[in-house]
N, C-alpha and C. Protein backbone atom coordinates (compact mmCIF):
# COMPACT_ATOMS: atom_id res chain seq x y z
N MET A 1 208.51 280.74 -40.35
CA MET A 1 208.03 282.00 -39.83
C MET A 1 207.04 281.80 -38.68
N LYS A 2 206.32 280.71 -38.72
CA LYS A 2 205.31 280.44 -37.68
C LYS A 2 205.97 280.23 -36.31
N ILE A 3 207.11 279.55 -36.28
CA ILE A 3 207.81 279.28 -35.03
C ILE A 3 208.27 280.59 -34.37
N LEU A 4 208.75 281.51 -35.16
CA LEU A 4 209.19 282.80 -34.64
C LEU A 4 208.02 283.56 -33.99
N GLU A 5 206.85 283.50 -34.61
CA GLU A 5 205.68 284.16 -34.06
C GLU A 5 205.28 283.55 -32.71
N VAL A 6 205.36 282.22 -32.61
CA VAL A 6 205.03 281.53 -31.37
C VAL A 6 206.01 281.92 -30.28
N ARG A 7 207.30 281.92 -30.59
CA ARG A 7 208.33 282.30 -29.62
C ARG A 7 208.13 283.73 -29.12
N THR A 8 207.84 284.64 -30.04
CA THR A 8 207.62 286.03 -29.67
C THR A 8 206.43 286.15 -28.73
N TYR A 9 205.36 285.42 -29.04
CA TYR A 9 204.17 285.43 -28.19
C TYR A 9 204.50 284.89 -26.80
N GLN A 10 205.25 283.80 -26.73
CA GLN A 10 205.63 283.20 -25.44
C GLN A 10 206.48 284.18 -24.63
N CYS A 11 207.41 284.85 -25.25
CA CYS A 11 208.26 285.82 -24.55
C CYS A 11 207.43 286.97 -24.01
N LYS A 12 206.50 287.47 -24.80
CA LYS A 12 205.65 288.57 -24.35
C LYS A 12 204.81 288.14 -23.15
N ARG A 13 204.27 286.92 -23.19
CA ARG A 13 203.46 286.44 -22.07
C ARG A 13 204.31 286.28 -20.82
N TYR A 14 205.54 285.77 -20.98
CA TYR A 14 206.44 285.58 -19.84
C TYR A 14 206.76 286.92 -19.17
N TYR A 15 207.11 287.93 -19.96
CA TYR A 15 207.45 289.23 -19.39
C TYR A 15 206.22 289.91 -18.78
N ALA A 16 205.05 289.70 -19.36
CA ALA A 16 203.82 290.23 -18.77
C ALA A 16 203.55 289.56 -17.43
N TYR A 17 203.81 288.26 -17.35
CA TYR A 17 203.64 287.53 -16.09
C TYR A 17 204.60 288.07 -15.04
N ARG A 18 205.86 288.27 -15.40
CA ARG A 18 206.84 288.80 -14.45
C ARG A 18 206.42 290.17 -13.94
N LYS A 19 205.86 291.00 -14.82
CA LYS A 19 205.43 292.33 -14.42
C LYS A 19 204.28 292.25 -13.41
N THR A 20 203.32 291.36 -13.66
CA THR A 20 202.18 291.26 -12.75
C THR A 20 202.59 290.70 -11.40
N MET A 21 203.58 289.83 -11.37
CA MET A 21 204.03 289.24 -10.12
C MET A 21 204.99 290.17 -9.38
N LYS A 22 205.42 291.25 -10.04
CA LYS A 22 206.36 292.21 -9.45
C LYS A 22 207.64 291.52 -8.97
N ILE A 23 208.11 290.61 -9.78
CA ILE A 23 209.34 289.89 -9.47
C ILE A 23 210.44 290.55 -10.28
N VAL A 24 211.46 291.01 -9.61
CA VAL A 24 212.54 291.69 -10.30
C VAL A 24 213.60 290.68 -10.72
N ASN A 25 213.98 289.81 -9.82
CA ASN A 25 215.07 288.89 -10.07
C ASN A 25 214.55 287.46 -10.08
N MET A 26 214.60 286.79 -11.23
CA MET A 26 214.11 285.42 -11.35
C MET A 26 215.25 284.41 -11.19
N SER A 27 216.40 284.84 -10.77
CA SER A 27 217.53 283.94 -10.59
C SER A 27 217.22 282.95 -9.47
N SER A 28 217.91 281.80 -9.50
CA SER A 28 217.65 280.78 -8.49
C SER A 28 218.52 280.96 -7.24
N PHE A 29 219.40 281.95 -7.26
CA PHE A 29 220.18 282.27 -6.06
C PHE A 29 220.50 283.77 -6.07
N PRO A 30 220.65 284.36 -4.90
CA PRO A 30 220.87 285.81 -4.83
C PRO A 30 222.26 286.23 -5.32
N PRO A 31 222.40 287.47 -5.77
CA PRO A 31 223.69 287.94 -6.26
C PRO A 31 224.74 288.10 -5.16
N LYS A 32 224.31 288.28 -3.92
CA LYS A 32 225.25 288.39 -2.82
C LYS A 32 224.65 287.72 -1.59
N CYS A 33 225.49 287.45 -0.62
CA CYS A 33 225.05 286.79 0.60
C CYS A 33 224.21 287.75 1.44
N TYR A 34 223.18 287.21 2.09
CA TYR A 34 222.33 288.03 2.95
C TYR A 34 223.05 288.43 4.24
N TYR A 35 224.03 287.65 4.67
CA TYR A 35 224.63 287.82 6.00
C TYR A 35 226.02 288.43 6.00
N CYS A 36 226.70 288.42 4.86
CA CYS A 36 228.04 289.02 4.80
C CYS A 36 228.24 289.69 3.44
N ASP A 37 229.44 290.11 3.14
CA ASP A 37 229.71 290.85 1.90
C ASP A 37 230.12 289.97 0.73
N SER A 38 230.06 288.66 0.86
CA SER A 38 230.45 287.75 -0.23
C SER A 38 229.48 287.86 -1.39
N LYS A 39 230.01 287.75 -2.61
CA LYS A 39 229.18 287.77 -3.82
C LYS A 39 229.86 287.00 -4.93
N ASN A 40 229.23 286.96 -6.09
CA ASN A 40 229.73 286.25 -7.27
C ASN A 40 229.96 284.76 -6.99
N PHE A 41 228.89 284.06 -6.64
CA PHE A 41 229.00 282.64 -6.33
C PHE A 41 229.08 281.78 -7.59
N GLY A 42 228.49 282.22 -8.68
CA GLY A 42 228.59 281.50 -9.94
C GLY A 42 227.55 280.41 -10.14
N SER A 43 227.08 279.80 -9.07
CA SER A 43 226.08 278.74 -9.21
C SER A 43 225.29 278.60 -7.92
N VAL A 44 224.20 277.85 -8.01
CA VAL A 44 223.39 277.58 -6.83
C VAL A 44 224.21 276.79 -5.81
N ASP A 45 224.98 275.81 -6.28
CA ASP A 45 225.81 275.01 -5.38
C ASP A 45 226.82 275.86 -4.63
N GLY A 46 227.43 276.81 -5.32
CA GLY A 46 228.40 277.68 -4.67
C GLY A 46 227.76 278.54 -3.60
N TYR A 47 226.56 279.06 -3.89
CA TYR A 47 225.85 279.87 -2.90
C TYR A 47 225.45 279.03 -1.69
N GLU A 48 224.86 277.87 -1.95
CA GLU A 48 224.41 277.02 -0.85
C GLU A 48 225.58 276.52 -0.01
N ARG A 49 226.70 276.20 -0.64
CA ARG A 49 227.89 275.77 0.09
C ARG A 49 228.37 276.89 1.01
N HIS A 50 228.36 278.12 0.50
CA HIS A 50 228.78 279.27 1.30
C HIS A 50 227.87 279.44 2.52
N VAL A 51 226.56 279.41 2.31
CA VAL A 51 225.62 279.63 3.41
C VAL A 51 225.74 278.54 4.47
N VAL A 52 225.84 277.29 4.03
CA VAL A 52 225.90 276.17 4.98
C VAL A 52 227.20 276.20 5.78
N THR A 53 228.31 276.51 5.14
CA THR A 53 229.60 276.48 5.85
C THR A 53 229.88 277.74 6.66
N ARG A 54 229.48 278.90 6.15
CA ARG A 54 229.80 280.17 6.82
C ARG A 54 228.71 280.65 7.79
N HIS A 55 227.47 280.29 7.50
CA HIS A 55 226.34 280.78 8.30
C HIS A 55 225.42 279.62 8.70
N PRO A 56 225.92 278.69 9.52
CA PRO A 56 225.10 277.53 9.89
C PRO A 56 223.87 277.96 10.70
N ASN A 57 222.81 277.22 10.52
CA ASN A 57 221.53 277.45 11.22
C ASN A 57 220.83 278.75 10.82
N LEU A 58 221.25 279.37 9.72
CA LEU A 58 220.54 280.53 9.18
C LEU A 58 219.97 280.15 7.82
N PRO A 59 218.78 280.67 7.49
CA PRO A 59 218.17 280.29 6.21
C PRO A 59 218.93 280.86 5.01
N GLY A 60 219.17 280.03 4.03
CA GLY A 60 219.85 280.48 2.82
C GLY A 60 218.92 281.26 1.89
N TYR A 61 217.64 280.93 1.97
CA TYR A 61 216.63 281.59 1.16
C TYR A 61 215.58 282.17 2.11
N PRO A 62 215.88 283.28 2.77
CA PRO A 62 214.98 283.82 3.79
C PRO A 62 213.68 284.38 3.19
N GLY A 63 212.59 284.03 3.84
CA GLY A 63 211.28 284.56 3.46
C GLY A 63 211.03 285.89 4.13
N PRO A 64 209.84 286.44 3.95
CA PRO A 64 209.53 287.75 4.53
C PRO A 64 209.69 287.80 6.06
N ALA A 65 209.27 286.74 6.75
CA ALA A 65 209.39 286.72 8.21
C ALA A 65 210.86 286.68 8.64
N ASP A 66 211.69 285.89 7.92
CA ASP A 66 213.12 285.81 8.24
C ASP A 66 213.81 287.15 8.01
N ILE A 67 213.45 287.83 6.94
CA ILE A 67 214.06 289.12 6.61
C ILE A 67 213.76 290.14 7.71
N LYS A 68 212.52 290.10 8.21
CA LYS A 68 212.15 291.01 9.28
C LYS A 68 212.85 290.63 10.59
N TYR A 69 212.87 289.34 10.91
CA TYR A 69 213.44 288.87 12.18
C TYR A 69 214.95 289.12 12.25
N TYR A 70 215.68 288.78 11.17
CA TYR A 70 217.13 288.95 11.16
C TYR A 70 217.58 290.32 10.67
N ARG A 71 216.62 291.19 10.32
CA ARG A 71 216.90 292.53 9.80
C ARG A 71 217.85 292.49 8.59
N LEU A 72 217.45 291.69 7.60
CA LEU A 72 218.26 291.52 6.40
C LEU A 72 217.83 292.51 5.33
N GLU A 73 218.71 292.73 4.39
CA GLU A 73 218.41 293.61 3.27
C GLU A 73 217.80 292.79 2.15
N LYS A 74 216.65 293.22 1.63
CA LYS A 74 215.99 292.51 0.54
C LYS A 74 216.83 292.62 -0.73
N GLN A 75 216.77 291.56 -1.56
CA GLN A 75 217.51 291.55 -2.82
C GLN A 75 216.59 291.32 -4.01
N ASP A 76 215.30 291.55 -3.82
CA ASP A 76 214.29 291.41 -4.88
C ASP A 76 214.25 290.00 -5.48
N MET A 77 214.36 289.00 -4.63
CA MET A 77 214.25 287.61 -5.08
C MET A 77 212.80 287.16 -4.89
N TYR A 78 212.39 286.16 -5.67
CA TYR A 78 210.99 285.77 -5.64
C TYR A 78 210.55 285.17 -4.31
N TRP A 79 211.43 284.57 -3.54
CA TRP A 79 211.03 283.98 -2.27
C TRP A 79 210.86 285.03 -1.16
N GLU A 80 211.25 286.26 -1.42
CA GLU A 80 211.10 287.33 -0.43
C GLU A 80 209.72 287.98 -0.49
N ARG A 81 208.97 287.67 -1.51
CA ARG A 81 207.68 288.31 -1.74
C ARG A 81 206.64 287.81 -0.73
N GLU A 82 205.90 288.72 -0.15
CA GLU A 82 204.83 288.34 0.76
C GLU A 82 203.63 287.88 -0.04
N ILE A 83 203.05 286.77 0.37
CA ILE A 83 201.89 286.23 -0.31
C ILE A 83 200.65 286.67 0.47
N LYS A 84 199.76 287.31 -0.23
CA LYS A 84 198.54 287.78 0.43
C LYS A 84 197.57 286.61 0.59
N ALA A 85 197.05 286.46 1.78
CA ALA A 85 196.09 285.41 2.05
C ALA A 85 194.72 285.84 1.55
N ASP A 86 193.94 284.87 1.12
CA ASP A 86 192.59 285.18 0.64
C ASP A 86 191.55 285.04 1.76
N PHE A 87 192.03 285.06 3.02
CA PHE A 87 191.13 284.98 4.16
C PHE A 87 191.74 285.75 5.32
N GLU A 88 190.95 286.00 6.35
CA GLU A 88 191.44 286.70 7.55
C GLU A 88 191.22 285.84 8.77
N TRP A 89 192.17 285.85 9.69
CA TRP A 89 192.02 285.17 10.95
C TRP A 89 191.18 286.03 11.88
N LYS A 90 190.29 285.42 12.62
CA LYS A 90 189.46 286.19 13.56
C LYS A 90 189.62 285.69 14.95
């Protein structure tokens, strides 16, 4: 019974963490391609193979600056999140 309580506590902490980080999709690859209509890659390798062969010289995991520059549609992946700096440039 003790193991079940520990697992439940760990799950609650994990979901609380996801909520605070405002991360919707914790997958390691997006559900569809950022640059075309392809989807259902099945694995990270399949996604990366698609991006490298079909969209050379474009980022497979675009950050906030890439999304703005290439005018891409966000897919709620964790690498798309803007990180707030704890300082200001003057």
